[in-house]
């Protein structure tokens, strides 16, 4: 049923980036179901990396060095 209310907003058109993200997520979910493997979400990873860079820019060099040393120790411990 179509909403014929005088206050109804027209549907918003999707941007090409949104359509691409949606297509990739559908393809990823199909591949996960077929292969049984969990695929990485590159879009979320890219957004998280961008947020980390902004946070790192606000930190002092000493604090960044501490965090890097802790991360390196954690990697070598595995």
N, C-alpha and C. Protein backbone atom coordinates (compact mmCIF):
# COMPACT_ATOMS: atom_id res chain seq x y z
N UNK A 1 0.84 -1.17 0.00
CA UNK A 1 0.00 0.00 0.00
C UNK A 1 0.89 1.24 0.00
N UNK A 2 0.58 2.20 -0.81
CA UNK A 2 1.35 3.42 -0.93
C UNK A 2 0.86 4.43 0.08
N UNK A 3 1.80 5.11 0.73
CA UNK A 3 1.44 6.12 1.71
C UNK A 3 1.06 7.39 0.98
N UNK A 4 -0.22 7.78 1.02
CA UNK A 4 -0.71 8.94 0.30
C UNK A 4 -0.90 10.14 1.21
N UNK A 5 -0.30 10.11 2.36
CA UNK A 5 -0.42 11.21 3.30
C UNK A 5 0.23 12.46 2.72
N UNK A 6 -0.33 13.65 2.94
CA UNK A 6 0.27 14.87 2.39
C UNK A 6 1.62 15.17 3.04
N UNK A 7 1.91 14.60 4.20
CA UNK A 7 3.18 14.86 4.89
C UNK A 7 4.23 13.79 4.60
N UNK A 8 3.92 12.82 3.74
CA UNK A 8 4.85 11.74 3.47
C UNK A 8 6.07 12.27 2.71
N UNK A 9 7.24 11.80 3.12
CA UNK A 9 8.48 12.19 2.44
C UNK A 9 8.73 11.26 1.28
N UNK A 10 9.28 11.79 0.20
CA UNK A 10 9.63 10.88 -0.90
C UNK A 10 10.79 9.99 -0.47
N UNK A 11 10.90 8.80 -1.04
CA UNK A 11 12.01 7.93 -0.66
C UNK A 11 13.35 8.55 -1.05
N UNK A 12 14.34 8.37 -0.18
CA UNK A 12 15.67 8.91 -0.43
C UNK A 12 16.41 7.98 -1.38
N UNK A 13 17.05 8.57 -2.39
CA UNK A 13 17.83 7.76 -3.31
C UNK A 13 19.15 7.40 -2.66
N UNK A 14 19.62 6.18 -2.95
CA UNK A 14 20.88 5.73 -2.40
C UNK A 14 22.04 6.31 -3.20
N UNK A 15 23.10 6.62 -2.50
CA UNK A 15 24.32 7.06 -3.16
C UNK A 15 25.03 5.84 -3.74
N UNK A 16 25.86 6.03 -4.78
CA UNK A 16 26.56 4.88 -5.36
C UNK A 16 27.42 4.13 -4.35
N UNK A 17 28.03 4.85 -3.38
CA UNK A 17 28.85 4.18 -2.37
C UNK A 17 27.99 3.28 -1.50
N UNK A 18 26.79 3.75 -1.16
CA UNK A 18 25.90 2.94 -0.33
C UNK A 18 25.45 1.69 -1.07
N UNK A 19 25.17 1.83 -2.36
CA UNK A 19 24.75 0.68 -3.15
C UNK A 19 25.89 -0.33 -3.27
N UNK A 20 27.12 0.16 -3.43
CA UNK A 20 28.27 -0.73 -3.52
C UNK A 20 28.48 -1.46 -2.19
N UNK A 21 28.39 -0.73 -1.07
CA UNK A 21 28.54 -1.36 0.24
C UNK A 21 27.48 -2.43 0.46
N UNK A 22 26.25 -2.12 0.05
CA UNK A 22 25.15 -3.07 0.21
C UNK A 22 25.39 -4.32 -0.65
N UNK A 23 25.84 -4.13 -1.88
CA UNK A 23 26.10 -5.25 -2.77
C UNK A 23 27.22 -6.13 -2.22
N UNK A 24 28.26 -5.49 -1.68
CA UNK A 24 29.36 -6.25 -1.12
C UNK A 24 28.93 -7.04 0.11
N UNK A 25 28.07 -6.45 0.92
CA UNK A 25 27.65 -7.17 2.12
C UNK A 25 26.77 -8.37 1.75
N UNK A 26 25.97 -8.24 0.70
CA UNK A 26 25.16 -9.38 0.25
C UNK A 26 26.07 -10.48 -0.29
N UNK A 27 27.04 -10.08 -1.12
CA UNK A 27 27.98 -11.06 -1.67
C UNK A 27 28.77 -11.74 -0.56
N UNK A 28 29.19 -10.97 0.44
CA UNK A 28 29.96 -11.53 1.55
C UNK A 28 29.12 -12.54 2.32
N UNK A 29 27.85 -12.21 2.57
CA UNK A 29 27.01 -13.14 3.33
C UNK A 29 26.78 -14.43 2.55
N UNK A 30 26.65 -14.34 1.23
CA UNK A 30 26.48 -15.55 0.42
C UNK A 30 27.73 -16.41 0.49
N UNK A 31 28.90 -15.79 0.34
CA UNK A 31 30.16 -16.53 0.41
C UNK A 31 30.35 -17.18 1.78
N UNK A 32 29.98 -16.47 2.84
CA UNK A 32 30.11 -17.03 4.19
C UNK A 32 29.23 -18.26 4.35
N UNK A 33 28.03 -18.20 3.80
CA UNK A 33 27.13 -19.35 3.92
C UNK A 33 27.65 -20.55 3.11
N UNK A 34 28.16 -20.28 1.93
CA UNK A 34 28.62 -21.37 1.06
C UNK A 34 29.90 -22.00 1.59
N UNK A 35 30.88 -21.15 1.96
CA UNK A 35 32.18 -21.68 2.39
C UNK A 35 32.22 -22.01 3.87
N UNK A 36 31.36 -21.40 4.66
CA UNK A 36 31.39 -21.61 6.10
C UNK A 36 32.47 -20.80 6.80
N UNK A 37 33.18 -19.94 6.07
CA UNK A 37 34.22 -19.09 6.66
C UNK A 37 33.70 -17.68 6.87
N UNK A 38 34.20 -17.05 7.91
CA UNK A 38 33.84 -15.66 8.19
C UNK A 38 34.76 -14.75 7.38
N UNK A 39 34.19 -13.89 6.55
CA UNK A 39 34.97 -12.99 5.71
C UNK A 39 35.17 -11.66 6.45
N UNK A 40 36.34 -11.03 6.30
CA UNK A 40 36.57 -9.74 6.96
C UNK A 40 35.74 -8.64 6.32
N UNK A 41 35.28 -7.73 7.13
CA UNK A 41 34.52 -6.58 6.63
C UNK A 41 35.49 -5.44 6.41
N UNK A 42 35.92 -5.24 5.17
CA UNK A 42 36.93 -4.23 4.86
C UNK A 42 36.42 -2.81 5.07
N UNK A 43 35.13 -2.59 4.89
CA UNK A 43 34.58 -1.26 5.09
C UNK A 43 34.69 -0.86 6.55
N UNK A 44 34.29 -1.77 7.44
CA UNK A 44 34.40 -1.47 8.87
C UNK A 44 35.85 -1.34 9.30
N UNK A 45 36.71 -2.16 8.74
CA UNK A 45 38.13 -2.09 9.08
C UNK A 45 38.72 -0.75 8.65
N UNK A 46 38.31 -0.27 7.48
CA UNK A 46 38.82 1.01 7.00
C UNK A 46 38.33 2.16 7.87
N UNK A 47 37.07 2.09 8.29
CA UNK A 47 36.54 3.15 9.16
C UNK A 47 37.22 3.12 10.53
N UNK A 48 37.48 1.93 11.04
CA UNK A 48 38.14 1.81 12.34
C UNK A 48 39.58 2.34 12.25
N UNK A 49 40.25 2.07 11.15
CA UNK A 49 41.62 2.55 10.98
C UNK A 49 41.65 4.07 10.93
N UNK A 50 40.68 4.67 10.27
CA UNK A 50 40.62 6.13 10.18
C UNK A 50 40.39 6.73 11.57
N UNK A 51 39.54 6.11 12.36
CA UNK A 51 39.27 6.60 13.71
C UNK A 51 40.49 6.47 14.61
N UNK A 52 41.25 5.40 14.43
CA UNK A 52 42.46 5.19 15.22
C UNK A 52 43.52 6.24 14.90
N UNK A 53 43.61 6.65 13.65
CA UNK A 53 44.59 7.67 13.26
C UNK A 53 44.25 9.01 13.91
N UNK A 54 42.97 9.33 13.97
CA UNK A 54 42.55 10.58 14.59
C UNK A 54 42.85 10.56 16.09
N UNK A 55 42.62 9.42 16.72
CA UNK A 55 42.90 9.30 18.15
C UNK A 55 44.40 9.37 18.41
N UNK A 56 45.19 8.73 17.56
CA UNK A 56 46.64 8.75 17.73
C UNK A 56 47.21 10.15 17.56
N UNK A 57 46.59 10.94 16.70
CA UNK A 57 47.07 12.31 16.49
C UNK A 57 46.91 13.16 17.75
N UNK A 58 45.94 12.82 18.59
CA UNK A 58 45.71 13.58 19.82
C UNK A 58 46.64 13.15 20.95
N UNK A 59 47.30 11.99 20.82
CA UNK A 59 48.15 11.47 21.89
C UNK A 59 49.55 12.07 21.83
N UNK A 60 50.21 12.01 22.96
CA UNK A 60 51.61 12.44 23.01
C UNK A 60 52.48 11.36 22.38
N UNK A 61 53.64 11.73 21.85
CA UNK A 61 54.53 10.73 21.27
C UNK A 61 54.93 9.64 22.27
N UNK A 62 55.08 10.00 23.53
CA UNK A 62 55.45 9.01 24.55
C UNK A 62 54.35 7.96 24.71
N UNK A 63 53.11 8.43 24.72
CA UNK A 63 51.97 7.51 24.89
C UNK A 63 51.87 6.58 23.67
N UNK A 64 52.05 7.12 22.46
CA UNK A 64 52.01 6.28 21.27
C UNK A 64 53.12 5.23 21.30
N UNK A 65 54.29 5.61 21.81
CA UNK A 65 55.41 4.68 21.93
C UNK A 65 55.07 3.56 22.91
N UNK A 66 54.44 3.91 24.03
CA UNK A 66 54.03 2.90 25.01
C UNK A 66 53.06 1.90 24.40
N UNK A 67 52.07 2.41 23.68
CA UNK A 67 51.06 1.54 23.08
C UNK A 67 51.70 0.64 22.02
N UNK A 68 52.59 1.20 21.21
CA UNK A 68 53.26 0.40 20.17
C UNK A 68 54.11 -0.70 20.80
N UNK A 69 54.80 -0.40 21.89
CA UNK A 69 55.63 -1.40 22.56
C UNK A 69 54.76 -2.52 23.14
N UNK A 70 53.64 -2.15 23.72
CA UNK A 70 52.72 -3.14 24.27
C UNK A 70 52.15 -4.04 23.17
N UNK A 71 51.80 -3.44 22.04
CA UNK A 71 51.25 -4.21 20.92
C UNK A 71 52.31 -5.16 20.36
N UNK A 72 53.55 -4.69 20.25
CA UNK A 72 54.63 -5.53 19.73
C UNK A 72 54.88 -6.71 20.66
N UNK A 73 54.88 -6.45 21.96
CA UNK A 73 55.08 -7.53 22.94
C UNK A 73 53.96 -8.56 22.83
N UNK A 74 52.74 -8.08 22.62
CA UNK A 74 51.61 -8.98 22.50
C UNK A 74 51.73 -9.84 21.26
N UNK A 75 52.17 -9.25 20.16
CA UNK A 75 52.35 -10.02 18.91
C UNK A 75 53.41 -11.08 19.06
N UNK A 76 54.53 -10.75 19.71
CA UNK A 76 55.63 -11.70 19.85
C UNK A 76 55.29 -12.80 20.84
N UNK A 77 54.38 -12.52 21.77
CA UNK A 77 54.00 -13.51 22.79
C UNK A 77 53.23 -14.67 22.16
N UNK A 78 52.54 -14.43 21.08
CA UNK A 78 51.72 -15.47 20.44
C UNK A 78 52.54 -16.55 19.93
